[in-house]
């Protein structure tokens, strides 16, 4: 089994939290398998801007220097970029 490193941005939000939880839970992966997913073991890092918890790393994605440093340090295989839409007043 090959280890793949993944960064999930927005891991404190609804979709990001679900993806982060799935990648860190073998029972969920066995219950809801994805095609060829059994070939990989996921080493997942969850990022958040707010609502940081013990297992999430707070990071402002607007700080490009810190983002580049994190990607270099974590040796990431996949980076999931989350785009949020909001209504401005």
C-alpha atoms as a PDB file:
ATOM      1  CA  UNK A   1       0.000   0.000   0.000  1.00  0.00           C
ATOM      2  CA  UNK A   2       1.391   3.387  -1.033  1.00  0.00           C
ATOM      3  CA  UNK A   3       1.130   6.358   1.326  1.00  0.00           C
ATOM      4  CA  UNK A   4      -0.190   9.563  -0.224  1.00  0.00           C
ATOM      5  CA  UNK A   5      -0.060  12.924   1.546  1.00  0.00           C
ATOM      6  CA  UNK A   6      -3.121  15.120   1.197  1.00  0.00           C
ATOM      7  CA  UNK A   7      -3.929  18.616   2.433  1.00  0.00           C
ATOM      8  CA  UNK A   8      -7.607  19.415   2.904  1.00  0.00           C
ATOM      9  CA  UNK A   9      -8.331  23.121   3.144  1.00  0.00           C
ATOM     10  CA  UNK A  10     -11.489  24.224   4.918  1.00  0.00           C
ATOM     11  CA  UNK A  11     -11.343  21.138   7.139  1.00  0.00           C
ATOM     12  CA  UNK A  12     -13.453  22.848   9.811  1.00  0.00           C
ATOM     13  CA  UNK A  13     -16.326  23.394   7.353  1.00  0.00           C
ATOM     14  CA  UNK A  14     -19.054  20.986   6.306  1.00  0.00           C
ATOM     15  CA  UNK A  15     -17.533  19.511   3.119  1.00  0.00           C
ATOM     16  CA  UNK A  16     -13.893  19.787   4.184  1.00  0.00           C
ATOM     17  CA  UNK A  17     -14.627  18.118   7.523  1.00  0.00           C
ATOM     18  CA  UNK A  18     -16.367  15.204   5.759  1.00  0.00           C
ATOM     19  CA  UNK A  19     -13.460  14.687   3.354  1.00  0.00           C
ATOM     20  CA  UNK A  20     -10.887  15.007   6.143  1.00  0.00           C
ATOM     21  CA  UNK A  21     -12.783  12.519   8.313  1.00  0.00           C
ATOM     22  CA  UNK A  22     -13.124  10.037   5.443  1.00  0.00           C
ATOM     23  CA  UNK A  23      -9.417  10.137   4.603  1.00  0.00           C
ATOM     24  CA  UNK A  24      -8.484   9.540   8.255  1.00  0.00           C
ATOM     25  CA  UNK A  25     -10.967   6.742   8.972  1.00  0.00           C
ATOM     26  CA  UNK A  26     -10.259   3.257   7.578  1.00  0.00           C
ATOM     27  CA  UNK A  27     -13.700   2.007   8.626  1.00  0.00           C
ATOM     28  CA  UNK A  28     -15.386   4.714   6.536  1.00  0.00           C
ATOM     29  CA  UNK A  29     -13.092   3.925   3.612  1.00  0.00           C
ATOM     30  CA  UNK A  30     -14.049   0.240   3.840  1.00  0.00           C
ATOM     31  CA  UNK A  31     -17.751   1.054   4.157  1.00  0.00           C
ATOM     32  CA  UNK A  32     -17.716   3.540   1.259  1.00  0.00           C
ATOM     33  CA  UNK A  33     -14.862   2.431  -1.022  1.00  0.00           C
ATOM     34  CA  UNK A  34     -13.690   4.461  -3.988  1.00  0.00           C
ATOM     35  CA  UNK A  35     -12.260   2.953  -7.158  1.00  0.00           C
ATOM     36  CA  UNK A  36      -8.674   1.832  -6.522  1.00  0.00           C
ATOM     37  CA  UNK A  37      -8.769   3.545  -3.111  1.00  0.00           C
ATOM     38  CA  UNK A  38      -7.480   0.391  -1.434  1.00  0.00           C
ATOM     39  CA  UNK A  39      -4.102   0.982  -3.085  1.00  0.00           C
ATOM     40  CA  UNK A  40      -3.400   4.020  -0.923  1.00  0.00           C
ATOM     41  CA  UNK A  41      -2.970   4.882   2.719  1.00  0.00           C
ATOM     42  CA  UNK A  42      -3.803   8.542   3.241  1.00  0.00           C
ATOM     43  CA  UNK A  43      -1.682  10.811   5.419  1.00  0.00           C
ATOM     44  CA  UNK A  44      -4.028  13.763   5.676  1.00  0.00           C
ATOM     45  CA  UNK A  45      -3.401  17.269   7.027  1.00  0.00           C
ATOM     46  CA  UNK A  46      -6.486  19.379   7.721  1.00  0.00           C
ATOM     47  CA  UNK A  47      -6.242  23.158   7.443  1.00  0.00           C
ATOM     48  CA  UNK A  48      -8.642  25.755   8.739  1.00  0.00           C
ATOM     49  CA  UNK A  49      -8.795  29.511   9.041  1.00  0.00           C
ATOM     50  CA  UNK A  50     -11.081  29.613  12.046  1.00  0.00           C
ATOM     51  CA  UNK A  51     -12.645  27.054  14.385  1.00  0.00           C
ATOM     52  CA  UNK A  52      -9.298  25.330  14.856  1.00  0.00           C
ATOM     53  CA  UNK A  53      -9.400  22.077  16.776  1.00  0.00           C
ATOM     54  CA  UNK A  54      -6.581  19.906  18.088  1.00  0.00           C
ATOM     55  CA  UNK A  55      -6.244  17.902  14.869  1.00  0.00           C
ATOM     56  CA  UNK A  56      -6.467  20.878  12.463  1.00  0.00           C
ATOM     57  CA  UNK A  57      -3.741  23.358  11.578  1.00  0.00           C
ATOM     58  CA  UNK A  58      -4.790  27.017  11.364  1.00  0.00           C
ATOM     59  CA  UNK A  59      -3.463  28.721   8.244  1.00  0.00           C
ATOM     60  CA  UNK A  60      -4.447  31.825   6.304  1.00  0.00           C
ATOM     61  CA  UNK A  61      -4.364  30.805   2.630  1.00  0.00           C
ATOM     62  CA  UNK A  62      -3.728  34.444   1.705  1.00  0.00           C
ATOM     63  CA  UNK A  63      -0.267  34.145   3.260  1.00  0.00           C
ATOM     64  CA  UNK A  64       1.461  32.625   0.240  1.00  0.00           C
ATOM     65  CA  UNK A  65       4.827  32.339   1.968  1.00  0.00           C
ATOM     66  CA  UNK A  66       3.374  30.151   4.731  1.00  0.00           C
ATOM     67  CA  UNK A  67       1.349  28.115   2.221  1.00  0.00           C
ATOM     68  CA  UNK A  68       4.462  27.412   0.112  1.00  0.00           C
ATOM     69  CA  UNK A  69       6.417  26.508   3.252  1.00  0.00           C
ATOM     70  CA  UNK A  70       3.686  24.113   4.418  1.00  0.00           C
ATOM     71  CA  UNK A  71       3.479  22.390   1.023  1.00  0.00           C
ATOM     72  CA  UNK A  72       7.267  21.972   0.950  1.00  0.00           C
ATOM     73  CA  UNK A  73       7.398  20.626   4.527  1.00  0.00           C
ATOM     74  CA  UNK A  74       4.460  18.236   4.185  1.00  0.00           C
ATOM     75  CA  UNK A  75       5.586  16.892   0.779  1.00  0.00           C
ATOM     76  CA  UNK A  76       2.004  16.962  -0.427  1.00  0.00           C
ATOM     77  CA  UNK A  77       0.665  14.644  -3.143  1.00  0.00           C
ATOM     78  CA  UNK A  78      -2.795  16.213  -3.426  1.00  0.00           C
ATOM     79  CA  UNK A  79      -3.908  19.704  -2.464  1.00  0.00           C
ATOM     80  CA  UNK A  80      -7.652  20.205  -2.379  1.00  0.00           C
ATOM     81  CA  UNK A  81      -8.494  23.843  -2.999  1.00  0.00           C
ATOM     82  CA  UNK A  82     -11.866  24.885  -1.683  1.00  0.00           C
ATOM     83  CA  UNK A  83     -13.645  27.844  -3.150  1.00  0.00           C
ATOM     84  CA  UNK A  84     -16.322  29.536  -1.090  1.00  0.00           C
ATOM     85  CA  UNK A  85     -18.984  31.817  -2.403  1.00  0.00           C
ATOM     86  CA  UNK A  86     -20.630  34.396  -0.223  1.00  0.00           C
ATOM     87  CA  UNK A  87     -23.089  37.209  -0.674  1.00  0.00           C
ATOM     88  CA  UNK A  88     -21.611  40.574   0.120  1.00  0.00           C
ATOM     89  CA  UNK A  89     -23.797  43.279   1.528  1.00  0.00           C
END
